[in-house]
PDB file of N, CA and C in Angstrom:
ATOM      1  N   MET A   1      91.998 108.150  35.775  1.00  0.00           N
ATOM      2  CA  MET A   1      92.849 106.984  35.763  1.00  0.00           C
ATOM      3  C   MET A   1      93.466 106.802  37.156  1.00  0.00           C
ATOM      4  N   LYS A   2      93.493 105.565  37.610  1.00  0.00           N
ATOM      5  CA  LYS A   2      94.041 105.245  38.920  1.00  0.00           C
ATOM      6  C   LYS A   2      95.566 105.376  38.904  1.00  0.00           C
ATOM      7  N   PRO A   3      96.156 106.035  39.905  1.00  0.00           N
ATOM      8  CA  PRO A   3      97.618 106.155  39.928  1.00  0.00           C
ATOM      9  C   PRO A   3      98.272 104.787  40.114  1.00  0.00           C
ATOM     10  N   LYS A   4      99.444 104.631  39.502  1.00  0.00           N
ATOM     11  CA  LYS A   4     100.196 103.381  39.599  1.00  0.00           C
ATOM     12  C   LYS A   4     100.768 103.239  41.008  1.00  0.00           C
ATOM     13  N   ARG A   5     100.696 102.034  41.515  1.00  0.00           N
ATOM     14  CA  ARG A   5     101.338 101.732  42.799  1.00  0.00           C
ATOM     15  C   ARG A   5     102.700 101.124  42.486  1.00  0.00           C
ATOM     16  N   ARG A   6     103.733 101.818  42.876  1.00  0.00           N
ATOM     17  CA  ARG A   6     105.088 101.328  42.637  1.00  0.00           C
ATOM     18  C   ARG A   6     105.774 101.134  43.970  1.00  0.00           C
ATOM     19  N   GLY A   7     106.714 100.176  43.991  1.00  0.00           N
ATOM     20  CA  GLY A   7     107.392  99.920  45.245  1.00  0.00           C
ATOM     21  C   GLY A   7     108.736  99.247  45.046  1.00  0.00           C
ATOM     22  N   ASN A   8     109.374  98.975  46.156  1.00  0.00           N
ATOM     23  CA  ASN A   8     110.680  98.335  46.129  1.00  0.00           C
ATOM     24  C   ASN A   8     110.531  96.828  46.370  1.00  0.00           C
ATOM     25  N   VAL A   9     111.660  96.148  46.447  1.00  0.00           N
ATOM     26  CA  VAL A   9     111.647  94.696  46.591  1.00  0.00           C
ATOM     27  C   VAL A   9     110.999  94.275  47.915  1.00  0.00           C
ATOM     28  N   ASN A  10     111.157  95.072  48.949  1.00  0.00           N
ATOM     29  CA  ASN A  10     110.548  94.714  50.236  1.00  0.00           C
ATOM     30  C   ASN A  10     109.028  94.759  50.170  1.00  0.00           C
ATOM     31  N   GLN A  11     108.492  95.736  49.462  1.00  0.00           N
ATOM     32  CA  GLN A  11     107.042  95.831  49.319  1.00  0.00           C
ATOM     33  C   GLN A  11     106.512  94.698  48.449  1.00  0.00           C
ATOM     34  N   ALA A  12     107.231  94.357  47.388  1.00  0.00           N
ATOM     35  CA  ALA A  12     106.827  93.233  46.541  1.00  0.00           C
ATOM     36  C   ALA A  12     106.853  91.936  47.342  1.00  0.00           C
ATOM     37  N   ALA A  13     107.896  91.751  48.147  1.00  0.00           N
ATOM     38  CA  ALA A  13     108.017  90.537  48.956  1.00  0.00           C
ATOM     39  C   ALA A  13     106.889  90.436  49.974  1.00  0.00           C
ATOM     40  N   GLU A  14     106.503  91.562  50.539  1.00  0.00           N
ATOM     41  CA  GLU A  14     105.409  91.556  51.508  1.00  0.00           C
ATOM     42  C   GLU A  14     104.103  91.118  50.853  1.00  0.00           C
ATOM     43  N   ILE A  15     103.822  91.605  49.660  1.00  0.00           N
ATOM     44  CA  ILE A  15     102.613  91.218  48.943  1.00  0.00           C
ATOM     45  C   ILE A  15     102.610  89.714  48.674  1.00  0.00           C
ATOM     46  N   LEU A  16     103.772  89.188  48.266  1.00  0.00           N
ATOM     47  CA  LEU A  16     103.869  87.778  47.892  1.00  0.00           C
ATOM     48  C   LEU A  16     104.059  86.847  49.089  1.00  0.00           C
ATOM     49  N   GLY A  17     104.435  87.407  50.221  1.00  0.00           N
ATOM     50  CA  GLY A  17     104.646  86.582  51.399  1.00  0.00           C
ATOM     51  C   GLY A  17     105.924  85.755  51.328  1.00  0.00           C
ATOM     52  N   ILE A  18     106.931  86.286  50.643  1.00  0.00           N
ATOM     53  CA  ILE A  18     108.220  85.602  50.542  1.00  0.00           C
ATOM     54  C   ILE A  18     109.330  86.571  50.938  1.00  0.00           C
ATOM     55  N   ASP A  19     110.518  86.036  51.135  1.00  0.00           N
ATOM     56  CA  ASP A  19     111.659  86.852  51.532  1.00  0.00           C
ATOM     57  C   ASP A  19     112.137  87.705  50.355  1.00  0.00           C
ATOM     58  N   SER A  20     112.539  88.930  50.631  1.00  0.00           N
ATOM     59  CA  SER A  20     113.008  89.818  49.562  1.00  0.00           C
ATOM     60  C   SER A  20     114.259  89.266  48.884  1.00  0.00           C
ATOM     61  N   ARG A  21     115.082  88.530  49.633  1.00  0.00           N
ATOM     62  CA  ARG A  21     116.291  87.943  49.030  1.00  0.00           C
ATOM     63  C   ARG A  21     115.944  86.894  47.978  1.00  0.00           C
ATOM     64  N   THR A  22     114.827  86.215  48.151  1.00  0.00           N
ATOM     65  CA  THR A  22     114.378  85.248  47.151  1.00  0.00           C
ATOM     66  C   THR A  22     114.101  85.949  45.834  1.00  0.00           C
ATOM     67  N   ILE A  23     113.436  87.092  45.897  1.00  0.00           N
ATOM     68  CA  ILE A  23     113.130  87.866  44.696  1.00  0.00           C
ATOM     69  C   ILE A  23     114.421  88.385  44.062  1.00  0.00           C
ATOM     70  N   GLU A  24     115.305  88.944  44.879  1.00  0.00           N
ATOM     71  CA  GLU A  24     116.564  89.483  44.360  1.00  0.00           C
ATOM     72  C   GLU A  24     117.403  88.391  43.700  1.00  0.00           C
ATOM     73  N   ASN A  25     117.526  87.247  44.355  1.00  0.00           N
ATOM     74  CA  ASN A  25     118.313  86.148  43.791  1.00  0.00           C
ATOM     75  C   ASN A  25     117.724  85.663  42.475  1.00  0.00           C
ATOM     76  N   ASP A  26     116.407  85.619  42.390  1.00  0.00           N
ATOM     77  CA  ASP A  26     115.756  85.140  41.171  1.00  0.00           C
ATOM     78  C   ASP A  26     116.017  86.066  39.987  1.00  0.00           C
ATOM     79  N   ARG A  27     116.151  87.370  40.244  1.00  0.00           N
ATOM     80  CA  ARG A  27     116.430  88.324  39.159  1.00  0.00           C
ATOM     81  C   ARG A  27     117.733  88.008  38.453  1.00  0.00           C
ATOM     82  N   TYR A  28     118.694  87.424  39.175  1.00  0.00           N
ATOM     83  CA  TYR A  28     120.016  87.159  38.606  1.00  0.00           C
ATOM     84  C   TYR A  28     120.129  85.792  37.949  1.00  0.00           C
ATOM     85  N   LYS A  29     119.120  84.945  38.111  1.00  0.00           N
ATOM     86  CA  LYS A  29     119.152  83.623  37.488  1.00  0.00           C
ATOM     87  C   LYS A  29     118.794  83.752  36.012  1.00  0.00           C
ATOM     88  N   ASN A  30     119.403  82.911  35.200  1.00  0.00           N
ATOM     89  CA  ASN A  30     119.103  82.908  33.771  1.00  0.00           C
ATOM     90  C   ASN A  30     118.853  81.477  33.335  1.00  0.00           C
ATOM     91  N   PRO A  31     117.624  81.087  33.078  1.00  0.00           N
ATOM     92  CA  PRO A  31     116.394  81.895  33.190  1.00  0.00           C
ATOM     93  C   PRO A  31     115.918  81.962  34.640  1.00  0.00           C
ATOM     94  N   PRO A  32     115.165  83.004  34.969  1.00  0.00           N
ATOM     95  CA  PRO A  32     114.647  83.101  36.336  1.00  0.00           C
ATOM     96  C   PRO A  32     113.622  82.004  36.599  1.00  0.00           C
ATOM     97  N   LYS A  33     113.630  81.452  37.796  1.00  0.00           N
ATOM     98  CA  LYS A  33     112.677  80.407  38.162  1.00  0.00           C
ATOM     99  C   LYS A  33     111.291  80.996  38.391  1.00  0.00           C
ATOM    100  N   LEU A  34     111.237  82.134  39.088  1.00  0.00           N
ATOM    101  CA  LEU A  34     109.949  82.748  39.407  1.00  0.00           C
ATOM    102  C   LEU A  34     109.476  83.707  38.317  1.00  0.00           C
ATOM    103  N   GLY A  35     110.367  84.524  37.806  1.00  0.00           N
ATOM    104  CA  GLY A  35     110.009  85.467  36.750  1.00  0.00           C
ATOM    105  C   GLY A  35     109.104  86.589  37.204  1.00  0.00           C
ATOM    106  N   ILE A  36     109.328  87.077  38.409  1.00  0.00           N
ATOM    107  CA  ILE A  36     108.513  88.168  38.936  1.00  0.00           C
ATOM    108  C   ILE A  36     108.820  89.431  38.135  1.00  0.00           C
ATOM    109  N   PRO A  37     107.780  90.109  37.612  1.00  0.00           N
ATOM    110  CA  PRO A  37     108.017  91.283  36.754  1.00  0.00           C
ATOM    111  C   PRO A  37     108.565  92.478  37.533  1.00  0.00           C
ATOM    112  N   TYR A  38     109.529  93.166  36.910  1.00  0.00           N
ATOM    113  CA  TYR A  38     110.115  94.370  37.506  1.00  0.00           C
ATOM    114  C   TYR A  38     110.548  95.317  36.403  1.00  0.00           C
ATOM    115  N   HIS A  39     110.876  96.536  36.787  1.00  0.00           N
ATOM    116  CA  HIS A  39     111.332  97.568  35.857  1.00  0.00           C
ATOM    117  C   HIS A  39     112.655  98.120  36.354  1.00  0.00           C
ATOM    118  N   LYS A  40     113.522  98.490  35.436  1.00  0.00           N
ATOM    119  CA  LYS A  40     114.766  99.176  35.788  1.00  0.00           C
ATOM    120  C   LYS A  40     114.572 100.653  35.477  1.00  0.00           C
ATOM    121  N   VAL A  41     114.791 101.504  36.462  1.00  0.00           N
ATOM    122  CA  VAL A  41     114.699 102.950  36.302  1.00  0.00           C
ATOM    123  C   VAL A  41     116.055 103.497  36.737  1.00  0.00           C
ATOM    124  N   GLY A  42     116.874 103.839  35.752  1.00  0.00           N
ATOM    125  CA  GLY A  42     118.252 104.195  36.067  1.00  0.00           C
ATOM    126  C   GLY A  42     118.925 102.969  36.644  1.00  0.00           C
ATOM    127  N   GLY A  43     119.476 103.079  37.822  1.00  0.00           N
ATOM    128  CA  GLY A  43     120.099 101.944  38.480  1.00  0.00           C
ATOM    129  C   GLY A  43     119.188 101.255  39.484  1.00  0.00           C
ATOM    130  N   ARG A  44     117.964 101.730  39.592  1.00  0.00           N
ATOM    131  CA  ARG A  44     117.024 101.186  40.580  1.00  0.00           C
ATOM    132  C   ARG A  44     116.124 100.130  39.977  1.00  0.00           C
ATOM    133  N   VAL A  45     115.738  99.181  40.804  1.00  0.00           N
ATOM    134  CA  VAL A  45     114.736  98.185  40.429  1.00  0.00           C
ATOM    135  C   VAL A  45     113.431  98.615  41.082  1.00  0.00           C
ATOM    136  N   VAL A  46     112.379  98.722  40.267  1.00  0.00           N
ATOM    137  CA  VAL A  46     111.081  99.174  40.750  1.00  0.00           C
ATOM    138  C   VAL A  46     110.031  98.133  40.367  1.00  0.00           C
ATOM    139  N   TYR A  47     109.142  97.860  41.291  1.00  0.00           N
ATOM    140  CA  TYR A  47     108.066  96.901  41.053  1.00  0.00           C
ATOM    141  C   TYR A  47     106.743  97.647  40.945  1.00  0.00           C
ATOM    142  N   ASP A  48     105.959  97.298  39.935  1.00  0.00           N
ATOM    143  CA  ASP A  48     104.590  97.785  39.830  1.00  0.00           C
ATOM    144  C   ASP A  48     103.774  96.837  40.703  1.00  0.00           C
ATOM    145  N   LEU A  49     103.281  97.317  41.819  1.00  0.00           N
ATOM    146  CA  LEU A  49     102.624  96.450  42.786  1.00  0.00           C
ATOM    147  C   LEU A  49     101.331  95.845  42.251  1.00  0.00           C
ATOM    148  N   ASP A  50     100.687  96.527  41.306  1.00  0.00           N
ATOM    149  CA  ASP A  50      99.506  95.937  40.667  1.00  0.00           C
ATOM    150  C   ASP A  50      99.922  94.778  39.765  1.00  0.00           C
ATOM    151  N   GLU A  51     101.062  94.898  39.080  1.00  0.00           N
ATOM    152  CA  GLU A  51     101.577  93.794  38.264  1.00  0.00           C
ATOM    153  C   GLU A  51     101.935  92.599  39.138  1.00  0.00           C
ATOM    154  N   ILE A  52     102.471  92.861  40.313  1.00  0.00           N
ATOM    155  CA  ILE A  52     102.812  91.787  41.244  1.00  0.00           C
ATOM    156  C   ILE A  52     101.550  91.029  41.641  1.00  0.00           C
ATOM    157  N   GLU A  53     100.482  91.746  41.950  1.00  0.00           N
ATOM    158  CA  GLU A  53      99.204  91.113  42.296  1.00  0.00           C
ATOM    159  C   GLU A  53      98.691  90.261  41.132  1.00  0.00           C
ATOM    160  N   THR A  54      98.751  90.807  39.920  1.00  0.00           N
ATOM    161  CA  THR A  54      98.291  90.074  38.731  1.00  0.00           C
ATOM    162  C   THR A  54      99.135  88.833  38.510  1.00  0.00           C
ATOM    163  N   TRP A  55     100.457  88.957  38.639  1.00  0.00           N
ATOM    164  CA  TRP A  55     101.369  87.827  38.480  1.00  0.00           C
ATOM    165  C   TRP A  55     101.025  86.740  39.488  1.00  0.00           C
ATOM    166  N   PHE A  56     100.778  87.142  40.734  1.00  0.00           N
ATOM    167  CA  PHE A  56     100.447  86.202  41.794  1.00  0.00           C
ATOM    168  C   PHE A  56      99.131  85.480  41.499  1.00  0.00           C
ATOM    169  N   GLN A  57      98.108  86.221  41.111  1.00  0.00           N
ATOM    170  CA  GLN A  57      96.803  85.622  40.838  1.00  0.00           C
ATOM    171  C   GLN A  57      96.853  84.647  39.662  1.00  0.00           C
ATOM    172  N   ALA A  58      97.717  84.918  38.690  1.00  0.00           N
ATOM    173  CA  ALA A  58      97.837  84.052  37.514  1.00  0.00           C
ATOM    174  C   ALA A  58      98.435  82.691  37.870  1.00  0.00           C
ATOM    175  N   ARG A  59      99.045  82.562  39.035  1.00  0.00           N
ATOM    176  CA  ARG A  59      99.670  81.313  39.437  1.00  0.00           C
ATOM    177  C   ARG A  59      98.808  80.490  40.386  1.00  0.00           C
ATOM    178  N   ARG A  60      97.559  80.834  40.485  1.00  0.00           N
ATOM    179  CA  ARG A  60      96.639  80.101  41.358  1.00  0.00           C
ATOM    180  C   ARG A  60      96.422  78.702  40.812  1.00  0.00           C
ATOM    181  N   ARG A  61      96.467  77.742  41.703  1.00  0.00           N
ATOM    182  CA  ARG A  61      96.222  76.354  41.346  1.00  0.00           C
ATOM    183  C   ARG A  61      95.097  75.800  42.190  1.00  0.00           C
ATOM    184  N   ASN A  62      94.268  74.984  41.584  1.00  0.00           N
ATOM    185  CA  ASN A  62      93.212  74.322  42.309  1.00  0.00           C
ATOM    186  C   ASN A  62      93.655  72.896  42.638  1.00  0.00           C
ATOM    187  N   PRO A  63      93.416  72.464  43.859  1.00  0.00           N
ATOM    188  CA  PRO A  63      93.810  71.101  44.200  1.00  0.00           C
ATOM    189  C   PRO A  63      92.991  70.080  43.417  1.00  0.00           C
ATOM    190  N   VAL A  64      93.598  68.974  43.121  1.00  0.00           N
ATOM    191  CA  VAL A  64      92.913  67.893  42.404  1.00  0.00           C
ATOM    192  C   VAL A  64      91.993  67.192  43.405  1.00  0.00           C
ATOM    193  N   THR A  65      90.758  67.031  42.989  1.00  0.00           N
ATOM    194  CA  THR A  65      89.803  66.374  43.902  1.00  0.00           C
ATOM    195  C   THR A  65      89.447  64.993  43.430  1.00  0.00           C
TER     196      THR A  65
END
């Protein structure tokens, strides 16, 4: 089994190409606008980087031709 890739908000932001503050701010919105998946481990927020990739790919849009 492939080991899980886990990371912090900066690593998630790098994958998505957005500012880490955008991700942090979205976590506190109810409901969140982006809804980027994360996990709470104790007091820490941890991102499964493979889940981030899947979340990103699911939002692909094709331009109307």
